[in-house]
Amino acid sequence: MSIVRWIIWVVIFLVVLSLSFANADQVTLRFFGFGSWQAPLMFIVFCAFALGVTCGLLAGVLRVVRLNRELKKVRKELQTYEKEKEPANDADPVPLFPSAPPAPPVL
């Protein structure tokens, strides 16, 4: 199954690559009357794709940072809660289930 997936990705890559070479004409990109820029169409499409990927990754990183900050806050609250619930005395609690059964009496 992995080989089929790789073949599909290679075919998609080759189709996109051939489309980009077929559309290598010079185009003019105008910035709302402030200026213009001429470049091959495939380069402009690649730049737009890279900008979109960068924005998506930045949004993901910001979300991870926010969630890590919240996780740290919740862990701190949990530690505070556990310290409040500790038994007041230092004596060892009696276990409910002893680890070994009592020894039989010697006759």
PDB file of N, CA and C in Angstrom:
ATOM      1  N   MET A   1       0.825  -1.199   0.000  1.00  0.00           N
ATOM      2  CA  MET A   1       0.000   0.000   0.000  1.00  0.00           C
ATOM      3  C   MET A   1       0.863   1.254   0.000  1.00  0.00           C
ATOM      4  N   SER A   2       1.992   1.202   0.657  1.00  0.00           N
ATOM      5  CA  SER A   2       2.878   2.354   0.718  1.00  0.00           C
ATOM      6  C   SER A   2       3.440   2.685  -0.662  1.00  0.00           C
ATOM      7  N   ILE A   3       3.729   1.655  -1.455  1.00  0.00           N
ATOM      8  CA  ILE A   3       4.270   1.878  -2.796  1.00  0.00           C
ATOM      9  C   ILE A   3       3.231   2.555  -3.681  1.00  0.00           C
ATOM     10  N   VAL A   4       1.988   2.159  -3.555  1.00  0.00           N
ATOM     11  CA  VAL A   4       0.911   2.769  -4.342  1.00  0.00           C
ATOM     12  C   VAL A   4       0.779   4.246  -3.985  1.00  0.00           C
ATOM     13  N   ARG A   5       0.870   4.548  -2.707  1.00  0.00           N
ATOM     14  CA  ARG A   5       0.774   5.931  -2.252  1.00  0.00           C
ATOM     15  C   ARG A   5       1.915   6.767  -2.836  1.00  0.00           C
ATOM     16  N   TRP A   6       3.130   6.224  -2.819  1.00  0.00           N
ATOM     17  CA  TRP A   6       4.280   6.944  -3.385  1.00  0.00           C
ATOM     18  C   TRP A   6       4.106   7.157  -4.889  1.00  0.00           C
ATOM     19  N   ILE A   7       3.604   6.167  -5.582  1.00  0.00           N
ATOM     20  CA  ILE A   7       3.388   6.305  -7.029  1.00  0.00           C
ATOM     21  C   ILE A   7       2.374   7.409  -7.305  1.00  0.00           C
ATOM     22  N   ILE A   8       1.311   7.450  -6.526  1.00  0.00           N
ATOM     23  CA  ILE A   8       0.291   8.492  -6.701  1.00  0.00           C
ATOM     24  C   ILE A   8       0.894   9.872  -6.468  1.00  0.00           C
ATOM     25  N   TRP A   9       1.700  10.024  -5.400  1.00  0.00           N
ATOM     26  CA  TRP A   9       2.329  11.316  -5.112  1.00  0.00           C
ATOM     27  C   TRP A   9       3.295  11.724  -6.216  1.00  0.00           C
ATOM     28  N   VAL A  10       4.043  10.786  -6.763  1.00  0.00           N
ATOM     29  CA  VAL A  10       4.979  11.098  -7.852  1.00  0.00           C
ATOM     30  C   VAL A  10       4.205  11.541  -9.087  1.00  0.00           C
ATOM     31  N   VAL A  11       3.112  10.867  -9.398  1.00  0.00           N
ATOM     32  CA  VAL A  11       2.300  11.254 -10.560  1.00  0.00           C
ATOM     33  C   VAL A  11       1.724  12.660 -10.363  1.00  0.00           C
ATOM     34  N   ILE A  12       1.200  12.941  -9.181  1.00  0.00           N
ATOM     35  CA  ILE A  12       0.654  14.281  -8.897  1.00  0.00           C
ATOM     36  C   ILE A  12       1.751  15.331  -9.025  1.00  0.00           C
ATOM     37  N   PHE A  13       2.939  15.042  -8.480  1.00  0.00           N
ATOM     38  CA  PHE A  13       4.054  15.982  -8.569  1.00  0.00           C
ATOM     39  C   PHE A  13       4.427  16.250 -10.021  1.00  0.00           C
ATOM     40  N   LEU A  14       4.501  15.209 -10.831  1.00  0.00           N
ATOM     41  CA  LEU A  14       4.878  15.380 -12.236  1.00  0.00           C
ATOM     42  C   LEU A  14       3.816  16.172 -13.005  1.00  0.00           C
ATOM     43  N   VAL A  15       2.543  15.951 -12.702  1.00  0.00           N
ATOM     44  CA  VAL A  15       1.480  16.712 -13.359  1.00  0.00           C
ATOM     45  C   VAL A  15       1.580  18.190 -12.990  1.00  0.00           C
ATOM     46  N   VAL A  16       1.772  18.478 -11.707  1.00  0.00           N
ATOM     47  CA  VAL A  16       1.894  19.874 -11.266  1.00  0.00           C
ATOM     48  C   VAL A  16       3.144  20.514 -11.864  1.00  0.00           C
ATOM     49  N   LEU A  17       4.246  19.769 -11.903  1.00  0.00           N
ATOM     50  CA  LEU A  17       5.484  20.292 -12.486  1.00  0.00           C
ATOM     51  C   LEU A  17       5.312  20.602 -13.968  1.00  0.00           C
ATOM     52  N   SER A  18       4.655  19.708 -14.697  1.00  0.00           N
ATOM     53  CA  SER A  18       4.443  19.961 -16.122  1.00  0.00           C
ATOM     54  C   SER A  18       3.502  21.149 -16.334  1.00  0.00           C
ATOM     55  N   LEU A  19       2.489  21.312 -15.476  1.00  0.00           N
ATOM     56  CA  LEU A  19       1.614  22.479 -15.570  1.00  0.00           C
ATOM     57  C   LEU A  19       2.378  23.767 -15.302  1.00  0.00           C
ATOM     58  N   SER A  20       3.293  23.713 -14.351  1.00  0.00           N
ATOM     59  CA  SER A  20       4.047  24.927 -14.034  1.00  0.00           C
ATOM     60  C   SER A  20       4.973  25.314 -15.179  1.00  0.00           C
ATOM     61  N   PHE A  21       5.582  24.339 -15.841  1.00  0.00           N
ATOM     62  CA  PHE A  21       6.436  24.665 -16.983  1.00  0.00           C
ATOM     63  C   PHE A  21       5.611  25.109 -18.180  1.00  0.00           C
ATOM     64  N   ALA A  22       4.402  24.612 -18.314  1.00  0.00           N
ATOM     65  CA  ALA A  22       3.537  25.023 -19.414  1.00  0.00           C
ATOM     66  C   ALA A  22       3.016  26.440 -19.201  1.00  0.00           C
ATOM     67  N   ASN A  23       2.977  26.906 -17.942  1.00  0.00           N
ATOM     68  CA  ASN A  23       2.482  28.248 -17.621  1.00  0.00           C
ATOM     69  C   ASN A  23       3.619  29.127 -17.119  1.00  0.00           C
ATOM     70  N   ALA A  24       4.711  29.155 -17.841  1.00  0.00           N
ATOM     71  CA  ALA A  24       5.886  29.929 -17.427  1.00  0.00           C
ATOM     72  C   ALA A  24       5.893  31.320 -18.050  1.00  0.00           C
ATOM     73  N   ASP A  25       4.769  31.784 -18.566  1.00  0.00           N
ATOM     74  CA  ASP A  25       4.696  33.106 -19.183  1.00  0.00           C
ATOM     75  C   ASP A  25       4.903  34.198 -18.136  1.00  0.00           C
ATOM     76  N   GLN A  26       5.401  35.335 -18.593  1.00  0.00           N
ATOM     77  CA  GLN A  26       5.563  36.486 -17.715  1.00  0.00           C
ATOM     78  C   GLN A  26       4.192  37.107 -17.446  1.00  0.00           C
ATOM     79  N   VAL A  27       3.918  37.400 -16.186  1.00  0.00           N
ATOM     80  CA  VAL A  27       2.677  38.072 -15.809  1.00  0.00           C
ATOM     81  C   VAL A  27       3.038  39.290 -14.973  1.00  0.00           C
ATOM     82  N   THR A  28       2.132  40.235 -14.923  1.00  0.00           N
ATOM     83  CA  THR A  28       2.342  41.452 -14.142  1.00  0.00           C
ATOM     84  C   THR A  28       1.423  41.408 -12.932  1.00  0.00           C
ATOM     85  N   LEU A  29       2.002  41.570 -11.787  1.00  0.00           N
ATOM     86  CA  LEU A  29       1.246  41.598 -10.537  1.00  0.00           C
ATOM     87  C   LEU A  29       1.185  43.052 -10.086  1.00  0.00           C
ATOM     88  N   ARG A  30      -0.020  43.612 -10.005  1.00  0.00           N
ATOM     89  CA  ARG A  30      -0.196  45.020  -9.631  1.00  0.00           C
ATOM     90  C   ARG A  30      -0.649  45.110  -8.182  1.00  0.00           C
ATOM     91  N   PHE A  31      -0.041  46.029  -7.436  1.00  0.00           N
ATOM     92  CA  PHE A  31      -0.324  46.201  -6.009  1.00  0.00           C
ATOM     93  C   PHE A  31      -1.203  47.430  -5.785  1.00  0.00           C
ATOM     94  N   PHE A  32      -2.455  47.372  -6.168  1.00  0.00           N
ATOM     95  CA  PHE A  32      -3.457  48.421  -5.940  1.00  0.00           C
ATOM     96  C   PHE A  32      -2.966  49.801  -6.374  1.00  0.00           C
ATOM     97  N   GLY A  33      -2.270  49.896  -7.469  1.00  0.00           N
ATOM     98  CA  GLY A  33      -1.812  51.182  -7.980  1.00  0.00           C
ATOM     99  C   GLY A  33      -0.518  51.680  -7.354  1.00  0.00           C
ATOM    100  N   PHE A  34       0.033  50.966  -6.378  1.00  0.00           N
ATOM    101  CA  PHE A  34       1.273  51.401  -5.733  1.00  0.00           C
ATOM    102  C   PHE A  34       2.506  50.922  -6.488  1.00  0.00           C
ATOM    103  N   GLY A  35       2.360  49.980  -7.352  1.00  0.00           N
ATOM    104  CA  GLY A  35       3.491  49.459  -8.103  1.00  0.00           C
ATOM    105  C   GLY A  35       3.099  48.170  -8.788  1.00  0.00           C
ATOM    106  N   SER A  36       4.027  47.625  -9.518  1.00  0.00           N
ATOM    107  CA  SER A  36       3.762  46.365 -10.192  1.00  0.00           C
ATOM    108  C   SER A  36       5.039  45.540 -10.205  1.00  0.00           C
ATOM    109  N   TRP A  37       4.864  44.245 -10.461  1.00  0.00           N
ATOM    110  CA  TRP A  37       5.990  43.322 -10.440  1.00  0.00           C
ATOM    111  C   TRP A  37       5.759  42.289 -11.526  1.00  0.00           C
ATOM    112  N   GLN A  38       6.770  42.059 -12.343  1.00  0.00           N
ATOM    113  CA  GLN A  38       6.659  41.063 -13.396  1.00  0.00           C
ATOM    114  C   GLN A  38       7.495  39.847 -13.022  1.00  0.00           C
ATOM    115  N   ALA A  39       6.878  38.679 -13.155  1.00  0.00           N
ATOM    116  CA  ALA A  39       7.558  37.429 -12.834  1.00  0.00           C
ATOM    117  C   ALA A  39       6.839  36.300 -13.559  1.00  0.00           C
ATOM    118  N   PRO A  40       7.478  35.141 -13.683  1.00  0.00           N
ATOM    119  CA  PRO A  40       6.778  33.994 -14.279  1.00  0.00           C
ATOM    120  C   PRO A  40       5.591  33.575 -13.415  1.00  0.00           C
ATOM    121  N   LEU A  41       4.540  33.121 -14.084  1.00  0.00           N
ATOM    122  CA  LEU A  41       3.318  32.734 -13.376  1.00  0.00           C
ATOM    123  C   LEU A  41       3.584  31.637 -12.352  1.00  0.00           C
ATOM    124  N   MET A  42       4.414  30.638 -12.710  1.00  0.00           N
ATOM    125  CA  MET A  42       4.660  29.551 -11.763  1.00  0.00           C
ATOM    126  C   MET A  42       5.374  30.054 -10.516  1.00  0.00           C
ATOM    127  N   PHE A  43       6.220  31.089 -10.630  1.00  0.00           N
ATOM    128  CA  PHE A  43       6.898  31.646  -9.466  1.00  0.00           C
ATOM    129  C   PHE A  43       5.913  32.372  -8.563  1.00  0.00           C
ATOM    130  N   ILE A  44       4.981  33.113  -9.136  1.00  0.00           N
ATOM    131  CA  ILE A  44       3.978  33.832  -8.339  1.00  0.00           C
ATOM    132  C   ILE A  44       3.055  32.848  -7.630  1.00  0.00           C
ATOM    133  N   VAL A  45       2.655  31.784  -8.321  1.00  0.00           N
ATOM    134  CA  VAL A  45       1.798  30.771  -7.683  1.00  0.00           C
ATOM    135  C   VAL A  45       2.555  30.082  -6.550  1.00  0.00           C
ATOM    136  N   PHE A  46       3.836  29.774  -6.777  1.00  0.00           N
ATOM    137  CA  PHE A  46       4.647  29.160  -5.724  1.00  0.00           C
ATOM    138  C   PHE A  46       4.773  30.090  -4.519  1.00  0.00           C
ATOM    139  N   CYS A  47       4.995  31.387  -4.754  1.00  0.00           N
ATOM    140  CA  CYS A  47       5.092  32.345  -3.640  1.00  0.00           C
ATOM    141  C   CYS A  47       3.777  32.430  -2.867  1.00  0.00           C
ATOM    142  N   ALA A  48       2.650  32.411  -3.573  1.00  0.00           N
ATOM    143  CA  ALA A  48       1.352  32.446  -2.901  1.00  0.00           C
ATOM    144  C   ALA A  48       1.145  31.183  -2.067  1.00  0.00           C
ATOM    145  N   PHE A  49       1.549  30.036  -2.614  1.00  0.00           N
ATOM    146  CA  PHE A  49       1.436  28.780  -1.862  1.00  0.00           C
ATOM    147  C   PHE A  49       2.320  28.815  -0.612  1.00  0.00           C
ATOM    148  N   ALA A  50       3.562  29.277  -0.764  1.00  0.00           N
ATOM    149  CA  ALA A  50       4.481  29.344   0.377  1.00  0.00           C
ATOM    150  C   ALA A  50       3.961  30.306   1.441  1.00  0.00           C
ATOM    151  N   LEU A  51       3.385  31.424   1.026  1.00  0.00           N
ATOM    152  CA  LEU A  51       2.814  32.373   1.984  1.00  0.00           C
ATOM    153  C   LEU A  51       1.636  31.749   2.738  1.00  0.00           C
ATOM    154  N   GLY A  52       0.797  31.004   2.034  1.00  0.00           N
ATOM    155  CA  GLY A  52      -0.330  30.328   2.691  1.00  0.00           C
ATOM    156  C   GLY A  52       0.125  29.276   3.683  1.00  0.00           C
ATOM    157  N   VAL A  53       1.144  28.488   3.315  1.00  0.00           N
ATOM    158  CA  VAL A  53       1.675  27.469   4.233  1.00  0.00           C
ATOM    159  C   VAL A  53       2.275  28.135   5.465  1.00  0.00           C
ATOM    160  N   THR A  54       3.009  29.231   5.249  1.00  0.00           N
ATOM    161  CA  THR A  54       3.621  29.941   6.371  1.00  0.00           C
ATOM    162  C   THR A  54       2.557  30.484   7.322  1.00  0.00           C
ATOM    163  N   CYS A  55       1.505  31.072   6.791  1.00  0.00           N
ATOM    164  CA  CYS A  55       0.424  31.594   7.641  1.00  0.00           C
ATOM    165  C   CYS A  55      -0.264  30.461   8.414  1.00  0.00           C
ATOM    166  N   GLY A  56      -0.477  29.334   7.761  1.00  0.00           N
ATOM    167  CA  GLY A  56      -1.099  28.194   8.444  1.00  0.00           C
ATOM    168  C   GLY A  56      -0.219  27.651   9.557  1.00  0.00           C
ATOM    169  N   LEU A  57       1.086  27.532   9.299  1.00  0.00           N
ATOM    170  CA  LEU A  57       2.001  27.055  10.338  1.00  0.00           C
ATOM    171  C   LEU A  57       2.081  28.036  11.492  1.00  0.00           C
ATOM    172  N   LEU A  58       2.099  29.324  11.201  1.00  0.00           N
ATOM    173  CA  LEU A  58       2.145  30.333  12.257  1.00  0.00           C
ATOM    174  C   LEU A  58       0.902  30.259  13.139  1.00  0.00           C
ATOM    175  N   ALA A  59      -0.252  30.075  12.523  1.00  0.00           N
ATOM    176  CA  ALA A  59      -1.485  29.941  13.304  1.00  0.00           C
ATOM    177  C   ALA A  59      -1.426  28.695  14.180  1.00  0.00           C
ATOM    178  N   GLY A  60      -0.880  27.598  13.662  1.00  0.00           N
ATOM    179  CA  GLY A  60      -0.748  26.376  14.455  1.00  0.00           C
ATOM    180  C   GLY A  60       0.215  26.544  15.611  1.00  0.00           C
ATOM    181  N   VAL A  61       1.331  27.233  15.378  1.00  0.00           N
ATOM    182  CA  VAL A  61       2.315  27.455  16.441  1.00  0.00           C
ATOM    183  C   VAL A  61       1.718  28.324  17.534  1.00  0.00           C
ATOM    184  N   LEU A  62       0.982  29.362  17.152  1.00  0.00           N
ATOM    185  CA  LEU A  62       0.359  30.221  18.162  1.00  0.00           C
ATOM    186  C   LEU A  62      -0.638  29.440  19.007  1.00  0.00           C
ATOM    187  N   ARG A  63      -1.360  28.526  18.398  1.00  0.00           N
ATOM    188  CA  ARG A  63      -2.325  27.715  19.152  1.00  0.00           C
ATOM    189  C   ARG A  63      -1.601  26.772  20.105  1.00  0.00           C
ATOM    190  N   VAL A  64      -0.500  26.174  19.657  1.00  0.00           N
ATOM    191  CA  VAL A  64       0.267  25.269  20.519  1.00  0.00           C
ATOM    192  C   VAL A  64       0.840  26.029  21.707  1.00  0.00           C
ATOM    193  N   VAL A  65       1.353  27.233  21.474  1.00  0.00           N
ATOM    194  CA  VAL A  65       1.910  28.033  22.570  1.00  0.00           C
ATOM    195  C   VAL A  65       0.818  28.364  23.583  1.00  0.00           C
ATOM    196  N   ARG A  66      -0.351  28.738  23.096  1.00  0.00           N
ATOM    197  CA  ARG A  66      -1.457  29.064  24.002  1.00  0.00           C
ATOM    198  C   ARG A  66      -1.889  27.841  24.810  1.00  0.00           C
ATOM    199  N   LEU A  67      -1.974  26.679  24.151  1.00  0.00           N
ATOM    200  CA  LEU A  67      -2.375  25.463  24.860  1.00  0.00           C
ATOM    201  C   LEU A  67      -1.315  25.024  25.868  1.00  0.00           C
ATOM    202  N   ASN A  68      -0.025  25.182  25.540  1.00  0.00           N
ATOM    203  CA  ASN A  68       1.031  24.849  26.500  1.00  0.00           C
ATOM    204  C   ASN A  68       0.968  25.745  27.719  1.00  0.00           C
ATOM    205  N   ARG A  69       0.691  27.029  27.518  1.00  0.00           N
ATOM    206  CA  ARG A  69       0.563  27.956  28.638  1.00  0.00           C
ATOM    207  C   ARG A  69      -0.612  27.553  29.533  1.00  0.00           C
ATOM    208  N   GLU A  70      -1.719  27.179  28.923  1.00  0.00           N
ATOM    209  CA  GLU A  70      -2.891  26.751  29.690  1.00  0.00           C
ATOM    210  C   GLU A  70      -2.615  25.441  30.427  1.00  0.00           C
ATOM    211  N   LEU A  71      -1.888  24.517  29.787  1.00  0.00           N
ATOM    212  CA  LEU A  71      -1.545  23.253  30.426  1.00  0.00           C
ATOM    213  C   LEU A  71      -0.661  23.480  31.638  1.00  0.00           C
ATOM    214  N   LYS A  72       0.299  24.392  31.524  1.00  0.00           N
ATOM    215  CA  LYS A  72       1.178  24.702  32.645  1.00  0.00           C
ATOM    216  C   LYS A  72       0.382  25.276  33.819  1.00  0.00           C
ATOM    217  N   LYS A  73      -0.605  26.120  33.506  1.00  0.00           N
ATOM    218  CA  LYS A  73      -1.447  26.707  34.546  1.00  0.00           C
ATOM    219  C   LYS A  73      -2.277  25.631  35.242  1.00  0.00           C
ATOM    220  N   VAL A  74      -2.842  24.700  34.475  1.00  0.00           N
ATOM    221  CA  VAL A  74      -3.662  23.630  35.058  1.00  0.00           C
ATOM    222  C   VAL A  74      -2.802  22.696  35.906  1.00  0.00           C
ATOM    223  N   ARG A  75      -1.585  22.378  35.462  1.00  0.00           N
ATOM    224  CA  ARG A  75      -0.695  21.532  36.263  1.00  0.00           C
ATOM    225  C   ARG A  75      -0.339  22.193  37.586  1.00  0.00           C
ATOM    226  N   LYS A  76      -0.119  23.508  37.554  1.00  0.00           N
ATOM    227  CA  LYS A  76       0.191  24.228  38.783  1.00  0.00           C
ATOM    228  C   LYS A  76      -1.004  24.184  39.740  1.00  0.00           C
ATOM    229  N   GLU A  77      -2.206  24.358  39.200  1.00  0.00           N
ATOM    230  CA  GLU A  77      -3.408  24.270  40.040  1.00  0.00           C
ATOM    231  C   GLU A  77      -3.568  22.868  40.623  1.00  0.00           C
ATOM    232  N   LEU A  78      -3.241  21.844  39.848  1.00  0.00           N
ATOM    233  CA  LEU A  78      -3.329  20.468  40.323  1.00  0.00           C
ATOM    234  C   LEU A  78      -2.340  20.221  41.461  1.00  0.00           C
ATOM    235  N   GLN A  79      -1.130  20.740  41.332  1.00  0.00           N
ATOM    236  CA  GLN A  79      -0.151  20.584  42.409  1.00  0.00           C
ATOM    237  C   GLN A  79      -0.631  21.274  43.682  1.00  0.00           C
ATOM    238  N   THR A  80      -1.204  22.450  43.549  1.00  0.00           N
ATOM    239  CA  THR A  80      -1.740  23.161  44.705  1.00  0.00           C
ATOM    240  C   THR A  80      -2.870  22.361  45.344  1.00  0.00           C
ATOM    241  N   TYR A  81      -3.735  21.797  44.524  1.00  0.00           N
ATOM    242  CA  TYR A  81      -4.851  21.002  45.032  1.00  0.00           C
ATOM    243  C   TYR A  81      -4.344  19.756  45.759  1.00  0.00           C
ATOM    244  N   GLU A  82      -3.340  19.074  45.199  1.00  0.00           N
ATOM    245  CA  GLU A  82      -2.804  17.864  45.827  1.00  0.00           C
ATOM    246  C   GLU A  82      -2.121  18.183  47.152  1.00  0.00           C
ATOM    247  N   LYS A  83      -1.462  19.324  47.243  1.00  0.00           N
ATOM    248  CA  LYS A  83      -0.818  19.717  48.507  1.00  0.00           C
ATOM    249  C   LYS A  83      -1.854  19.997  49.580  1.00  0.00           C
ATOM    250  N   GLU A  84      -2.987  20.569  49.199  1.00  0.00           N
ATOM    251  CA  GLU A  84      -4.047  20.849  50.164  1.00  0.00           C
ATOM    252  C   GLU A  84      -4.701  19.565  50.659  1.00  0.00           C
ATOM    253  N   LYS A  85      -4.759  18.542  49.847  1.00  0.00           N
ATOM    254  CA  LYS A  85      -5.441  17.301  50.206  1.00  0.00           C
ATOM    255  C   LYS A  85      -4.533  16.280  50.890  1.00  0.00           C
ATOM    256  N   GLU A  86      -3.255  16.587  51.112  1.00  0.00           N
ATOM    257  CA  GLU A  86      -2.368  15.647  51.801  1.00  0.00           C
ATOM    258  C   GLU A  86      -2.820  15.465  53.243  1.00  0.00           C
ATOM    259  N   PRO A  87      -2.628  14.256  53.824  1.00  0.00           N
ATOM    260  CA  PRO A  87      -3.022  14.051  55.214  1.00  0.00           C
ATOM    261  C   PRO A  87      -2.197  14.951  56.142  1.00  0.00           C
ATOM    262  N   ALA A  88      -2.858  15.385  57.214  1.00  0.00           N
ATOM    263  CA  ALA A  88      -2.213  16.318  58.140  1.00  0.00           C
ATOM    264  C   ALA A  88      -1.146  15.635  58.980  1.00  0.00           C
ATOM    265  N   ASN A  89      -1.336  14.367  59.367  1.00  0.00           N
ATOM    266  CA  ASN A  89      -0.353  13.688  60.203  1.00  0.00           C
ATOM    267  C   ASN A  89       0.698  13.008  59.327  1.00  0.00           C
ATOM    268  N   ASP A  90       1.861  12.769  59.915  1.00  0.00           N
ATOM    269  CA  ASP A  90       2.957  12.158  59.184  1.00  0.00           C
ATOM    270  C   ASP A  90       2.977  10.639  59.310  1.00  0.00           C
ATOM    271  N   ALA A  91       2.010  10.063  60.011  1.00  0.00           N
ATOM    272  CA  ALA A  91       1.990   8.614  60.196  1.00  0.00           C
ATOM    273  C   ALA A  91       1.625   7.937  58.880  1.00  0.00           C
ATOM    274  N   ASP A  92       2.166   6.744  58.688  1.00  0.00           N
ATOM    275  CA  ASP A  92       1.848   5.976  57.498  1.00  0.00           C
ATOM    276  C   ASP A  92       0.416   5.475  57.587  1.00  0.00           C
ATOM    277  N   PRO A  93      -0.339   5.609  56.559  1.00  0.00           N
ATOM    278  CA  PRO A  93      -1.708   5.090  56.596  1.00  0.00           C
ATOM    279  C   PRO A  93      -1.681   3.562  56.605  1.00  0.00           C
ATOM    280  N   VAL A  94      -2.693   2.989  57.215  1.00  0.00           N
ATOM    281  CA  VAL A  94      -2.801   1.533  57.282  1.00  0.00           C
ATOM    282  C   VAL A  94      -3.272   1.051  55.916  1.00  0.00           C
ATOM    283  N   PRO A  95      -2.557   0.104  55.318  1.00  0.00           N
ATOM    284  CA  PRO A  95      -2.980  -0.371  54.003  1.00  0.00           C
ATOM    285  C   PRO A  95      -4.261  -1.189  54.111  1.00  0.00           C
ATOM    286  N   LEU A  96      -5.120  -1.049  53.133  1.00  0.00           N
ATOM    287  CA  LEU A  96      -6.363  -1.799  53.127  1.00  0.00           C
ATOM    288  C   LEU A  96      -6.113  -3.268  52.837  1.00  0.00           C
ATOM    289  N   PHE A  97      -5.167  -3.554  51.966  1.00  0.00           N
ATOM    290  CA  PHE A  97      -4.837  -4.912  51.608  1.00  0.00           C
ATOM    291  C   PHE A  97      -3.355  -5.144  51.918  1.00  0.00           C
ATOM    292  N   PRO A  98      -3.068  -5.931  52.945  1.00  0.00           N
ATOM    293  CA  PRO A  98      -1.658  -6.170  53.248  1.00  0.00           C
ATOM    294  C   PRO A  98      -0.986  -6.913  52.095  1.00  0.00           C
ATOM    295  N   SER A  99       0.303  -6.699  51.956  1.00  0.00           N
ATOM    296  CA  SER A  99       1.020  -7.307  50.839  1.00  0.00           C
ATOM    297  C   SER A  99       1.231  -8.801  51.044  1.00  0.00           C
ATOM    298  N   ALA A 100       1.332  -9.250  52.279  1.00  0.00           N
ATOM    299  CA  ALA A 100       1.539 -10.682  52.554  1.00  0.00           C
ATOM    300  C   ALA A 100       0.530 -11.118  53.622  1.00  0.00           C
ATOM    301  N   PRO A 101       0.020 -12.344  53.505  1.00  0.00           N
ATOM    302  CA  PRO A 101      -0.923 -12.818  54.521  1.00  0.00           C
ATOM    303  C   PRO A 101      -0.192 -13.049  55.856  1.00  0.00           C
ATOM    304  N   PRO A 102      -0.908 -12.985  56.967  1.00  0.00           N
ATOM    305  CA  PRO A 102      -0.255 -13.211  58.257  1.00  0.00           C
ATOM    306  C   PRO A 102       0.271 -14.643  58.357  1.00  0.00           C
ATOM    307  N   ALA A 103       1.340 -14.794  59.133  1.00  0.00           N
ATOM    308  CA  ALA A 103       1.943 -16.117  59.296  1.00  0.00           C
ATOM    309  C   ALA A 103       1.030 -17.004  60.153  1.00  0.00           C
ATOM    310  N   PRO A 104       0.962 -18.298  59.844  1.00  0.00           N
ATOM    311  CA  PRO A 104       0.104 -19.200  60.655  1.00  0.00           C
ATOM    312  C   PRO A 104       0.728 -19.379  62.039  1.00  0.00           C
ATOM    313  N   PRO A 105      -0.104 -19.613  63.050  1.00  0.00           N
ATOM    314  CA  PRO A 105       0.434 -19.806  64.422  1.00  0.00           C
ATOM    315  C   PRO A 105       1.221 -21.109  64.508  1.00  0.00           C
ATOM    316  N   VAL A 106       2.277 -21.080  65.345  1.00  0.00           N
ATOM    317  CA  VAL A 106       3.112 -22.270  65.540  1.00  0.00           C
ATOM    318  C   VAL A 106       2.548 -23.051  66.708  1.00  0.00           C
ATOM    319  N   LEU A 107       2.360 -24.356  66.604  1.00  0.00           N
ATOM    320  CA  LEU A 107       1.797 -25.182  67.656  1.00  0.00           C
ATOM    321  C   LEU A 107       2.841 -25.894  68.439  1.00  0.00           C
TER     322      LEU A 107
END
